[in-house]
Amino acid sequence: MELGDNQIGSIAGLGAALLWTISSLFWSRVRLSAWALNYLKSIVGSVMLLVHLVGMAWLNGHPVFQANAFAWHMLFWGGLIGIAIGDYCYFRSLQIVGPRRCFLLTTTTPIFAIALMWIMSGQPIALVVLLGIVMTMTGVGLVVLDPRSGSEIPSVMPGRGWVGVVLGLGSALCQALGGMFSQQAMEHSDCSAGEAAFIRLLVAAVIMFVFAASRGVLSKVHWEFLNGGNWRFVLAGTALGTWLGIWLSQIAYQKTDLALASTLLTTSPLFAIPVLYLYIGQRTSVVALVGSLVAVLGVAIALNPETVQAWSSSVFSTSGN
């Protein structure tokens, strides 16, 4: 049986969420600071994406780079805010609170995006969207406040729990801002999502390279990367999460509805539950499981208000008959 575009896109979206979950297990084992990890991931990821872009351009017969000056300007800010700052916050949160809680905190990215769009447009938010936002934040709160929902994997870089929570939410806000800049770049040029991801990673890598060089810590970071097995975890995490995960997310956005793709890409907290059980035998409390489900369902409602309203109208009209 041949799959349709919507089915292919849905599978790709779920595949990306699963790969991001698995890659987090590799990130959590790297004995490097969150800053060094972000720097190395950006360098390795930009090389992988460049090779991917060159190969696709050769196969399809189109130029490798199609971003104009405006797109580069937007992607500079997207790389600085979304990756240099946002991914640092993500990795540090991951190190402190563990993959499942960190993923749940970053599911608020679409919520922050909705809030930013509301601030910029000045239009009132629909009640259905508000319901989704409240559900998402309630679900996140249930998991964060659950005393049995601590860090699943012993951290190599421990820290205070509340700091991990704040950084996780900060990462979500930065990702929402970075996504807005990327969207502007792609809307006003022929820049593809893959090219946008490469430019953002390259910008972040250059910024962090200059920062490290100015502080004289480049050689130390590179030595730590090549020793102690860190390079294996960085390469594996980057290949699965930064390269393949981004590629599958592009397919999801290309083949299916934007709201559906965005929803599927936020299901990593649900994948984390069975993955962590298989990986370390960690069981999830009932409160944490319910909180994760409520949070992801809230994101789905917030991103698909028209579908929810149509469904509710159909249900009520049927019950009235």
C-alpha atoms as a PDB file:
ATOM      1  CA  MET A   1       0.000   0.000   0.000  1.00  0.00           C
ATOM      2  CA  GLU A   2       1.379   3.387  -1.051  1.00  0.00           C
ATOM      3  CA  LEU A   3       1.492   6.048   1.633  1.00  0.00           C
ATOM      4  CA  GLY A   4       0.063   9.504   0.996  1.00  0.00           C
ATOM      5  CA  ASP A   5       1.864  12.773   1.717  1.00  0.00           C
ATOM      6  CA  ASN A   6      -0.022  13.299   4.980  1.00  0.00           C
ATOM      7  CA  GLN A   7       0.956   9.845   6.260  1.00  0.00           C
ATOM      8  CA  ILE A   8       4.595  10.321   5.213  1.00  0.00           C
ATOM      9  CA  GLY A   9       4.689  13.694   6.936  1.00  0.00           C
ATOM     10  CA  SER A  10       3.140  12.303  10.109  1.00  0.00           C
ATOM     11  CA  ILE A  11       5.623   9.418  10.250  1.00  0.00           C
ATOM     12  CA  ALA A  12       8.504  11.840   9.651  1.00  0.00           C
ATOM     13  CA  GLY A  13       7.298  14.124  12.455  1.00  0.00           C
ATOM     14  CA  LEU A  14       7.057  11.259  14.934  1.00  0.00           C
ATOM     15  CA  GLY A  15      10.428   9.939  13.725  1.00  0.00           C
ATOM     16  CA  ALA A  16      12.072  13.294  14.374  1.00  0.00           C
ATOM     17  CA  ALA A  17      10.599  13.437  17.892  1.00  0.00           C
ATOM     18  CA  LEU A  18      11.891   9.915  18.583  1.00  0.00           C
ATOM     19  CA  LEU A  19      15.382  10.731  17.272  1.00  0.00           C
ATOM     20  CA  TRP A  20      15.525  13.865  19.425  1.00  0.00           C
ATOM     21  CA  THR A  21      14.634  11.701  22.416  1.00  0.00           C
ATOM     22  CA  ILE A  22      17.361   9.166  21.673  1.00  0.00           C
ATOM     23  CA  SER A  23      19.946  11.851  20.947  1.00  0.00           C
ATOM     24  CA  SER A  24      19.296  13.327  24.407  1.00  0.00           C
ATOM     25  CA  LEU A  25      20.639  10.109  25.930  1.00  0.00           C
ATOM     26  CA  PHE A  26      23.954  10.713  24.145  1.00  0.00           C
ATOM     27  CA  TRP A  27      24.027  14.398  25.146  1.00  0.00           C
ATOM     28  CA  SER A  28      23.463  13.481  28.785  1.00  0.00           C
ATOM     29  CA  ARG A  29      26.607  11.305  28.780  1.00  0.00           C
ATOM     30  CA  VAL A  30      28.995  13.961  27.473  1.00  0.00           C
ATOM     31  CA  ARG A  31      31.397  15.123  30.182  1.00  0.00           C
ATOM     32  CA  LEU A  32      31.568  18.672  28.912  1.00  0.00           C
ATOM     33  CA  SER A  33      30.027  21.947  29.978  1.00  0.00           C
ATOM     34  CA  ALA A  34      26.758  22.892  28.293  1.00  0.00           C
ATOM     35  CA  TRP A  35      28.568  25.730  26.516  1.00  0.00           C
ATOM     36  CA  ALA A  36      31.312  23.454  25.114  1.00  0.00           C
ATOM     37  CA  LEU A  37      28.735  20.857  24.107  1.00  0.00           C
ATOM     38  CA  ASN A  38      26.691  23.472  22.250  1.00  0.00           C
ATOM     39  CA  TYR A  39      29.802  24.807  20.492  1.00  0.00           C
ATOM     40  CA  LEU A  40      30.978  21.365  19.338  1.00  0.00           C
ATOM     41  CA  LYS A  41      27.470  20.310  18.302  1.00  0.00           C
ATOM     42  CA  SER A  42      27.138  23.451  16.185  1.00  0.00           C
ATOM     43  CA  ILE A  43      30.433  22.820  14.393  1.00  0.00           C
ATOM     44  CA  VAL A  44      29.805  19.122  13.731  1.00  0.00           C
ATOM     45  CA  GLY A  45      26.151  19.737  12.848  1.00  0.00           C
ATOM     46  CA  SER A  46      26.941  22.508  10.369  1.00  0.00           C
ATOM     47  CA  VAL A  47      29.442  20.223   8.591  1.00  0.00           C
ATOM     48  CA  MET A  48      26.879  17.390   8.396  1.00  0.00           C
ATOM     49  CA  LEU A  49      24.156  19.709   7.115  1.00  0.00           C
ATOM     50  CA  LEU A  50      26.516  21.266   4.566  1.00  0.00           C
ATOM     51  CA  VAL A  51      27.347  17.837   3.142  1.00  0.00           C
ATOM     52  CA  HIS A  52      23.609  17.056   3.077  1.00  0.00           C
ATOM     53  CA  LEU A  53      22.783  20.336   1.276  1.00  0.00           C
ATOM     54  CA  VAL A  54      25.532  19.835  -1.313  1.00  0.00           C
ATOM     55  CA  GLY A  55      24.340  16.275  -1.998  1.00  0.00           C
ATOM     56  CA  MET A  56      20.685  17.323  -2.362  1.00  0.00           C
ATOM     57  CA  ALA A  57      21.642  20.259  -4.599  1.00  0.00           C
ATOM     58  CA  TRP A  58      23.666  17.932  -6.831  1.00  0.00           C
ATOM     59  CA  LEU A  59      20.800  15.430  -7.074  1.00  0.00           C
ATOM     60  CA  ASN A  60      18.123  18.053  -7.752  1.00  0.00           C
ATOM     61  CA  GLY A  61      20.215  20.375  -9.896  1.00  0.00           C
ATOM     62  CA  HIS A  62      19.642  23.561  -7.892  1.00  0.00           C
ATOM     63  CA  PRO A  63      22.082  25.963  -6.174  1.00  0.00           C
ATOM     64  CA  VAL A  64      23.355  24.984  -2.739  1.00  0.00           C
ATOM     65  CA  PHE A  65      22.615  28.397  -1.225  1.00  0.00           C
ATOM     66  CA  GLN A  66      19.578  30.489  -2.101  1.00  0.00           C
ATOM     67  CA  ALA A  67      19.293  32.787   0.934  1.00  0.00           C
ATOM     68  CA  ASN A  68      19.451  36.508   0.168  1.00  0.00           C
ATOM     69  CA  ALA A  69      20.968  39.275   2.326  1.00  0.00           C
ATOM     70  CA  PHE A  70      17.733  39.768   4.282  1.00  0.00           C
ATOM     71  CA  ALA A  71      17.551  36.028   5.037  1.00  0.00           C
ATOM     72  CA  TRP A  72      21.142  35.987   6.274  1.00  0.00           C
ATOM     73  CA  HIS A  73      20.354  38.952   8.524  1.00  0.00           C
ATOM     74  CA  MET A  74      17.315  37.196  10.014  1.00  0.00           C
ATOM     75  CA  LEU A  75      19.184  33.904  10.382  1.00  0.00           C
ATOM     76  CA  PHE A  76      22.043  35.641  12.169  1.00  0.00           C
ATOM     77  CA  TRP A  77      19.635  36.610  14.942  1.00  0.00           C
ATOM     78  CA  GLY A  78      17.996  33.198  14.752  1.00  0.00           C
ATOM     79  CA  GLY A  79      21.385  31.539  15.248  1.00  0.00           C
ATOM     80  CA  LEU A  80      22.413  33.855  18.085  1.00  0.00           C
ATOM     81  CA  ILE A  81      19.164  33.640  20.048  1.00  0.00           C
ATOM     82  CA  GLY A  82      17.839  30.208  19.074  1.00  0.00           C
ATOM     83  CA  ILE A  83      21.090  28.203  19.077  1.00  0.00           C
ATOM     84  CA  ALA A  84      23.972  30.044  20.764  1.00  0.00           C
ATOM     85  CA  ILE A  85      21.748  31.029  23.707  1.00  0.00           C
ATOM     86  CA  GLY A  86      18.732  28.706  23.376  1.00  0.00           C
ATOM     87  CA  ASP A  87      20.633  25.452  22.895  1.00  0.00           C
ATOM     88  CA  TYR A  88      22.996  26.334  25.724  1.00  0.00           C
ATOM     89  CA  CYS A  89      19.964  26.679  28.006  1.00  0.00           C
ATOM     90  CA  TYR A  90      18.588  23.383  26.640  1.00  0.00           C
ATOM     91  CA  PHE A  91      21.795  21.412  27.242  1.00  0.00           C
ATOM     92  CA  ARG A  92      22.250  22.820  30.732  1.00  0.00           C
ATOM     93  CA  SER A  93      18.632  22.042  31.596  1.00  0.00           C
ATOM     94  CA  LEU A  94      19.107  18.526  30.185  1.00  0.00           C
ATOM     95  CA  GLN A  95      22.162  18.014  32.372  1.00  0.00           C
ATOM     96  CA  ILE A  96      20.310  19.113  35.514  1.00  0.00           C
ATOM     97  CA  VAL A  97      16.742  17.772  35.253  1.00  0.00           C
ATOM     98  CA  GLY A  98      17.187  14.888  32.785  1.00  0.00           C
ATOM     99  CA  PRO A  99      15.733  14.188  29.317  1.00  0.00           C
ATOM    100  CA  ARG A 100      12.039  13.685  30.154  1.00  0.00           C
ATOM    101  CA  ARG A 101      11.512  16.803  32.234  1.00  0.00           C
ATOM    102  CA  CYS A 102      13.709  18.868  29.916  1.00  0.00           C
ATOM    103  CA  PHE A 103      11.686  17.786  26.870  1.00  0.00           C
ATOM    104  CA  LEU A 104       8.473  18.584  28.677  1.00  0.00           C
ATOM    105  CA  LEU A 105       9.731  22.083  29.474  1.00  0.00           C
ATOM    106  CA  THR A 106      10.649  22.665  25.833  1.00  0.00           C
ATOM    107  CA  THR A 107       7.172  21.621  24.656  1.00  0.00           C
ATOM    108  CA  THR A 108       6.216  25.147  25.704  1.00  0.00           C
ATOM    109  CA  THR A 109       8.044  26.498  22.616  1.00  0.00           C
ATOM    110  CA  PRO A 110       4.800  26.683  20.548  1.00  0.00           C
ATOM    111  CA  ILE A 111       3.083  28.355  23.507  1.00  0.00           C
ATOM    112  CA  PHE A 112       5.747  31.058  23.593  1.00  0.00           C
ATOM    113  CA  ALA A 113       5.447  31.382  19.794  1.00  0.00           C
ATOM    114  CA  ILE A 114       1.679  31.939  20.119  1.00  0.00           C
ATOM    115  CA  ALA A 115       2.260  34.533  22.846  1.00  0.00           C
ATOM    116  CA  LEU A 116       4.838  36.362  20.714  1.00  0.00           C
ATOM    117  CA  MET A 117       2.485  36.405  17.724  1.00  0.00           C
ATOM    118  CA  TRP A 118      -0.276  37.748  19.976  1.00  0.00           C
ATOM    119  CA  ILE A 119       1.992  40.535  21.246  1.00  0.00           C
ATOM    120  CA  MET A 120       3.074  41.462  17.706  1.00  0.00           C
ATOM    121  CA  SER A 121      -0.382  41.318  16.126  1.00  0.00           C
ATOM    122  CA  GLY A 122      -2.437  42.687  19.006  1.00  0.00           C
ATOM    123  CA  GLN A 123      -5.255  40.281  18.100  1.00  0.00           C
ATOM    124  CA  PRO A 124      -7.131  38.541  20.938  1.00  0.00           C
ATOM    125  CA  ILE A 125      -6.309  34.874  21.556  1.00  0.00           C
ATOM    126  CA  ALA A 126      -9.185  32.463  20.955  1.00  0.00           C
ATOM    127  CA  LEU A 127     -10.607  30.703  24.012  1.00  0.00           C
ATOM    128  CA  VAL A 128      -9.667  27.314  22.551  1.00  0.00           C
ATOM    129  CA  VAL A 129      -6.040  28.430  22.259  1.00  0.00           C
ATOM    130  CA  LEU A 130      -6.108  29.736  25.827  1.00  0.00           C
ATOM    131  CA  LEU A 131      -7.449  26.362  26.956  1.00  0.00           C
ATOM    132  CA  GLY A 132      -4.527  24.639  25.225  1.00  0.00           C
ATOM    133  CA  ILE A 133      -2.037  27.010  26.846  1.00  0.00           C
ATOM    134  CA  VAL A 134      -3.511  26.429  30.315  1.00  0.00           C
ATOM    135  CA  MET A 135      -3.463  22.655  29.779  1.00  0.00           C
ATOM    136  CA  THR A 136       0.159  22.731  28.635  1.00  0.00           C
ATOM    137  CA  MET A 137       1.370  24.789  31.572  1.00  0.00           C
ATOM    138  CA  THR A 138      -0.690  22.651  33.983  1.00  0.00           C
ATOM    139  CA  GLY A 139       0.843  19.460  32.610  1.00  0.00           C
ATOM    140  CA  VAL A 140       4.350  20.908  32.848  1.00  0.00           C
ATOM    141  CA  GLY A 141       3.656  22.022  36.412  1.00  0.00           C
ATOM    142  CA  LEU A 142       2.445  18.562  37.426  1.00  0.00           C
ATOM    143  CA  VAL A 143       5.671  16.942  36.250  1.00  0.00           C
ATOM    144  CA  VAL A 144       8.027  19.629  37.537  1.00  0.00           C
ATOM    145  CA  LEU A 145       6.449  19.648  40.999  1.00  0.00           C
ATOM    146  CA  ASP A 146       6.139  15.864  41.264  1.00  0.00           C
ATOM    147  CA  PRO A 147       8.767  14.811  43.860  1.00  0.00           C
ATOM    148  CA  ARG A 148       9.128  11.408  42.144  1.00  0.00           C
ATOM    149  CA  SER A 149       9.978  13.075  38.833  1.00  0.00           C
ATOM    150  CA  GLY A 150      13.614  13.896  39.430  1.00  0.00           C
ATOM    151  CA  SER A 151      16.552  13.509  37.070  1.00  0.00           C
ATOM    152  CA  GLU A 152      16.316  10.097  35.395  1.00  0.00           C
ATOM    153  CA  ILE A 153      19.996   9.746  34.540  1.00  0.00           C
ATOM    154  CA  PRO A 154      22.786  10.565  37.041  1.00  0.00           C
ATOM    155  CA  SER A 155      24.085  13.919  35.855  1.00  0.00           C
ATOM    156  CA  VAL A 156      27.743  14.402  34.927  1.00  0.00           C
ATOM    157  CA  MET A 157      27.209  18.153  35.426  1.00  0.00           C
ATOM    158  CA  PRO A 158      24.717  18.492  38.328  1.00  0.00           C
ATOM    159  CA  GLY A 159      23.021  21.722  39.365  1.00  0.00           C
ATOM    160  CA  ARG A 160      20.061  23.124  41.264  1.00  0.00           C
ATOM    161  CA  GLY A 161      16.678  21.801  40.113  1.00  0.00           C
ATOM    162  CA  TRP A 162      14.984  25.194  39.887  1.00  0.00           C
ATOM    163  CA  VAL A 163      17.834  26.451  37.693  1.00  0.00           C
ATOM    164  CA  GLY A 164      17.241  23.544  35.302  1.00  0.00           C
ATOM    165  CA  VAL A 165      13.533  24.397  35.125  1.00  0.00           C
ATOM    166  CA  VAL A 166      14.188  28.089  34.428  1.00  0.00           C
ATOM    167  CA  LEU A 167      16.769  27.234  31.766  1.00  0.00           C
ATOM    168  CA  GLY A 168      14.378  24.759  30.121  1.00  0.00           C
ATOM    169  CA  LEU A 169      11.696  27.441  29.854  1.00  0.00           C
ATOM    170  CA  GLY A 170      14.336  29.939  28.705  1.00  0.00           C
ATOM    171  CA  SER A 171      15.348  27.518  25.959  1.00  0.00           C
ATOM    172  CA  ALA A 172      11.727  27.263  24.809  1.00  0.00           C
ATOM    173  CA  LEU A 173      11.433  31.066  24.639  1.00  0.00           C
ATOM    174  CA  CYS A 174      14.693  31.371  22.691  1.00  0.00           C
ATOM    175  CA  GLN A 175      13.606  28.621  20.282  1.00  0.00           C
ATOM    176  CA  ALA A 176      10.323  30.444  19.666  1.00  0.00           C
ATOM    177  CA  LEU A 177      12.190  33.676  18.916  1.00  0.00           C
ATOM    178  CA  GLY A 178      14.729  31.869  16.731  1.00  0.00           C
ATOM    179  CA  GLY A 179      11.906  30.150  14.854  1.00  0.00           C
ATOM    180  CA  MET A 180      10.246  33.496  14.127  1.00  0.00           C
ATOM    181  CA  PHE A 181      13.457  34.855  12.615  1.00  0.00           C
ATOM    182  CA  SER A 182      13.870  31.668  10.537  1.00  0.00           C
ATOM    183  CA  GLN A 183      10.297  31.907   9.318  1.00  0.00           C
ATOM    184  CA  GLN A 184      10.883  35.491   8.182  1.00  0.00           C
ATOM    185  CA  ALA A 185      14.036  34.397   6.331  1.00  0.00           C
ATOM    186  CA  MET A 186      12.260  31.592   4.457  1.00  0.00           C
ATOM    187  CA  GLU A 187       9.207  33.713   3.629  1.00  0.00           C
ATOM    188  CA  HIS A 188      11.298  36.446   1.988  1.00  0.00           C
ATOM    189  CA  SER A 189      13.764  34.276   0.047  1.00  0.00           C
ATOM    190  CA  ASP A 190      14.102  30.873  -1.617  1.00  0.00           C
ATOM    191  CA  CYS A 191      15.968  29.614   1.439  1.00  0.00           C
ATOM    192  CA  SER A 192      14.916  26.076   2.418  1.00  0.00           C
ATOM    193  CA  ALA A 193      14.459  24.850   5.982  1.00  0.00           C
ATOM    194  CA  GLY A 194      17.667  22.814   5.677  1.00  0.00           C
ATOM    195  CA  GLU A 195      19.658  25.808   4.479  1.00  0.00           C
ATOM    196  CA  ALA A 196      18.169  27.935   7.263  1.00  0.00           C
ATOM    197  CA  ALA A 197      19.188  25.323   9.847  1.00  0.00           C
ATOM    198  CA  PHE A 198      22.735  25.210   8.423  1.00  0.00           C
ATOM    199  CA  ILE A 199      23.147  28.998   8.456  1.00  0.00           C
ATOM    200  CA  ARG A 200      21.837  29.253  12.010  1.00  0.00           C
ATOM    201  CA  LEU A 201      24.246  26.536  13.181  1.00  0.00           C
ATOM    202  CA  LEU A 202      27.144  28.152  11.306  1.00  0.00           C
ATOM    203  CA  VAL A 203      26.404  31.565  12.819  1.00  0.00           C
ATOM    204  CA  ALA A 204      26.217  30.071  16.322  1.00  0.00           C
ATOM    205  CA  ALA A 205      29.463  28.130  15.789  1.00  0.00           C
ATOM    206  CA  VAL A 206      31.318  31.249  14.605  1.00  0.00           C
ATOM    207  CA  ILE A 207      30.013  33.347  17.503  1.00  0.00           C
ATOM    208  CA  MET A 208      31.022  30.728  20.065  1.00  0.00           C
ATOM    209  CA  PHE A 209      34.394  30.178  18.336  1.00  0.00           C
ATOM    210  CA  VAL A 210      35.212  33.889  18.603  1.00  0.00           C
ATOM    211  CA  PHE A 211      34.066  33.922  22.229  1.00  0.00           C
ATOM    212  CA  ALA A 212      36.204  30.887  23.113  1.00  0.00           C
ATOM    213  CA  ALA A 213      39.228  32.250  21.246  1.00  0.00           C
ATOM    214  CA  SER A 214      38.974  35.582  23.071  1.00  0.00           C
ATOM    215  CA  ARG A 215      39.034  33.737  26.406  1.00  0.00           C
ATOM    216  CA  GLY A 216      41.839  31.380  25.379  1.00  0.00           C
ATOM    217  CA  VAL A 217      39.893  28.161  26.019  1.00  0.00           C
ATOM    218  CA  LEU A 218      39.694  26.764  22.468  1.00  0.00           C
ATOM    219  CA  SER A 219      42.511  24.252  22.858  1.00  0.00           C
ATOM    220  CA  LYS A 220      41.071  23.025  26.177  1.00  0.00           C
ATOM    221  CA  VAL A 221      37.610  22.459  24.654  1.00  0.00           C
ATOM    222  CA  HIS A 222      39.041  20.648  21.619  1.00  0.00           C
ATOM    223  CA  TRP A 223      41.244  18.455  23.822  1.00  0.00           C
ATOM    224  CA  GLU A 224      38.262  17.503  26.016  1.00  0.00           C
ATOM    225  CA  PHE A 225      36.267  16.677  22.883  1.00  0.00           C
ATOM    226  CA  LEU A 226      38.907  14.266  21.542  1.00  0.00           C
ATOM    227  CA  ASN A 227      39.602  12.564  24.863  1.00  0.00           C
ATOM    228  CA  GLY A 228      37.536  10.504  27.271  1.00  0.00           C
ATOM    229  CA  GLY A 229      35.170   9.240  24.568  1.00  0.00           C
ATOM    230  CA  ASN A 230      33.275  12.530  24.391  1.00  0.00           C
ATOM    231  CA  TRP A 231      33.656  12.701  20.610  1.00  0.00           C
ATOM    232  CA  ARG A 232      31.616   9.502  20.171  1.00  0.00           C
ATOM    233  CA  PHE A 233      28.629  10.858  22.095  1.00  0.00           C
ATOM    234  CA  VAL A 234      28.826  14.265  20.376  1.00  0.00           C
ATOM    235  CA  LEU A 235      28.950  12.678  16.912  1.00  0.00           C
ATOM    236  CA  ALA A 236      26.104  10.266  17.687  1.00  0.00           C
ATOM    237  CA  GLY A 237      23.890  12.938  19.258  1.00  0.00           C
ATOM    238  CA  THR A 238      24.555  15.389  16.423  1.00  0.00           C
ATOM    239  CA  ALA A 239      23.943  12.816  13.695  1.00  0.00           C
ATOM    240  CA  LEU A 240      20.641  11.654  15.207  1.00  0.00           C
ATOM    241  CA  GLY A 241      19.274  14.918  16.585  1.00  0.00           C
ATOM    242  CA  THR A 242      20.826  17.794  14.667  1.00  0.00           C
ATOM    243  CA  TRP A 243      21.127  16.200  11.218  1.00  0.00           C
ATOM    244  CA  LEU A 244      18.557  13.400  10.837  1.00  0.00           C
ATOM    245  CA  GLY A 245      16.079  14.985  13.257  1.00  0.00           C
ATOM    246  CA  ILE A 246      16.101  18.287  11.374  1.00  0.00           C
ATOM    247  CA  TRP A 247      15.858  16.476   8.015  1.00  0.00           C
ATOM    248  CA  LEU A 248      12.790  14.491   9.142  1.00  0.00           C
ATOM    249  CA  SER A 249      11.205  17.619  10.621  1.00  0.00           C
ATOM    250  CA  GLN A 250      11.595  19.304   7.210  1.00  0.00           C
ATOM    251  CA  ILE A 251       9.744  16.400   5.593  1.00  0.00           C
ATOM    252  CA  ALA A 252       7.006  16.692   8.217  1.00  0.00           C
ATOM    253  CA  TYR A 253       6.519  20.409   7.516  1.00  0.00           C
ATOM    254  CA  GLN A 254       6.669  19.816   3.752  1.00  0.00           C
ATOM    255  CA  LYS A 255       4.277  16.874   3.534  1.00  0.00           C
ATOM    256  CA  THR A 256       1.610  17.678   6.100  1.00  0.00           C
ATOM    257  CA  ASP A 257      -0.243  20.549   7.734  1.00  0.00           C
ATOM    258  CA  LEU A 258       1.907  23.033   9.687  1.00  0.00           C
ATOM    259  CA  ALA A 259      -0.127  22.719  12.892  1.00  0.00           C
ATOM    260  CA  LEU A 260      -0.140  18.910  12.744  1.00  0.00           C
ATOM    261  CA  ALA A 261       3.602  18.770  12.060  1.00  0.00           C
ATOM    262  CA  SER A 262       4.324  21.164  14.943  1.00  0.00           C
ATOM    263  CA  THR A 263       2.187  19.037  17.255  1.00  0.00           C
ATOM    264  CA  LEU A 264       3.871  15.766  16.292  1.00  0.00           C
ATOM    265  CA  LEU A 265       7.305  17.312  16.771  1.00  0.00           C
ATOM    266  CA  THR A 266       6.471  18.103  20.410  1.00  0.00           C
ATOM    267  CA  THR A 267       5.760  14.466  21.353  1.00  0.00           C
ATOM    268  CA  SER A 268       9.324  13.811  22.561  1.00  0.00           C
ATOM    269  CA  PRO A 269       8.222  13.757  26.250  1.00  0.00           C
ATOM    270  CA  LEU A 270       5.922  10.824  25.459  1.00  0.00           C
ATOM    271  CA  PHE A 271       8.687   8.946  23.624  1.00  0.00           C
ATOM    272  CA  ALA A 272      11.027   9.619  26.553  1.00  0.00           C
ATOM    273  CA  ILE A 273       8.863   7.521  28.886  1.00  0.00           C
ATOM    274  CA  PRO A 274       9.354   4.136  27.101  1.00  0.00           C
ATOM    275  CA  VAL A 275      12.881   5.018  25.906  1.00  0.00           C
ATOM    276  CA  LEU A 276      14.088   5.730  29.435  1.00  0.00           C
ATOM    277  CA  TYR A 277      12.396   2.573  30.708  1.00  0.00           C
ATOM    278  CA  LEU A 278      14.201   0.474  28.083  1.00  0.00           C
ATOM    279  CA  TYR A 279      17.491   2.338  28.607  1.00  0.00           C
ATOM    280  CA  ILE A 280      17.771   2.422  32.412  1.00  0.00           C
ATOM    281  CA  GLY A 281      14.572   0.724  33.612  1.00  0.00           C
ATOM    282  CA  GLN A 282      13.232   4.023  34.980  1.00  0.00           C
ATOM    283  CA  ARG A 283       9.506   3.924  35.699  1.00  0.00           C
ATOM    284  CA  THR A 284       7.339   7.005  35.341  1.00  0.00           C
ATOM    285  CA  SER A 285       4.972   7.984  38.153  1.00  0.00           C
ATOM    286  CA  VAL A 286       1.258   8.249  37.373  1.00  0.00           C
ATOM    287  CA  VAL A 287       1.360  12.002  38.047  1.00  0.00           C
ATOM    288  CA  ALA A 288       4.268  12.509  35.627  1.00  0.00           C
ATOM    289  CA  LEU A 289       2.573  10.362  32.966  1.00  0.00           C
ATOM    290  CA  VAL A 290      -0.702  12.288  33.260  1.00  0.00           C
ATOM    291  CA  GLY A 291       1.175  15.595  33.252  1.00  0.00           C
ATOM    292  CA  SER A 292       3.064  14.667  30.080  1.00  0.00           C
ATOM    293  CA  LEU A 293      -0.139  13.626  28.308  1.00  0.00           C
ATOM    294  CA  VAL A 294      -1.970  16.794  29.390  1.00  0.00           C
ATOM    295  CA  ALA A 295       0.932  19.010  28.254  1.00  0.00           C
ATOM    296  CA  VAL A 296       1.206  17.438  24.785  1.00  0.00           C
ATOM    297  CA  LEU A 297      -2.588  17.454  24.386  1.00  0.00           C
ATOM    298  CA  GLY A 298      -2.590  21.127  25.355  1.00  0.00           C
ATOM    299  CA  VAL A 299      -0.037  21.895  22.638  1.00  0.00           C
ATOM    300  CA  ALA A 300      -2.170  20.003  20.110  1.00  0.00           C
ATOM    301  CA  ILE A 301      -5.252  22.029  21.077  1.00  0.00           C
ATOM    302  CA  ALA A 302      -3.373  25.348  21.011  1.00  0.00           C
ATOM    303  CA  LEU A 303      -1.944  24.625  17.559  1.00  0.00           C
ATOM    304  CA  ASN A 304      -5.151  23.206  16.055  1.00  0.00           C
ATOM    305  CA  PRO A 305      -7.975  25.500  17.282  1.00  0.00           C
ATOM    306  CA  GLU A 306     -10.018  25.226  14.066  1.00  0.00           C
ATOM    307  CA  THR A 307      -9.981  21.424  14.192  1.00  0.00           C
ATOM    308  CA  VAL A 308     -10.999  21.425  17.870  1.00  0.00           C
ATOM    309  CA  GLN A 309     -13.822  23.899  17.256  1.00  0.00           C
ATOM    310  CA  ALA A 310     -15.109  21.916  14.268  1.00  0.00           C
ATOM    311  CA  TRP A 311     -15.000  18.681  16.284  1.00  0.00           C
ATOM    312  CA  SER A 312     -16.801  20.221  19.274  1.00  0.00           C
ATOM    313  CA  SER A 313     -19.478  21.745  17.019  1.00  0.00           C
ATOM    314  CA  SER A 314     -20.029  18.348  15.406  1.00  0.00           C
ATOM    315  CA  VAL A 315     -20.309  16.613  18.792  1.00  0.00           C
ATOM    316  CA  PHE A 316     -22.763  19.124  20.221  1.00  0.00           C
ATOM    317  CA  SER A 317     -24.896  19.213  17.054  1.00  0.00           C
ATOM    318  CA  THR A 318     -25.060  15.396  17.081  1.00  0.00           C
ATOM    319  CA  SER A 319     -26.011  15.281  20.760  1.00  0.00           C
ATOM    320  CA  GLY A 320     -28.682  17.924  20.139  1.00  0.00           C
ATOM    321  CA  ASN A 321     -30.306  15.732  17.553  1.00  0.00           C
END
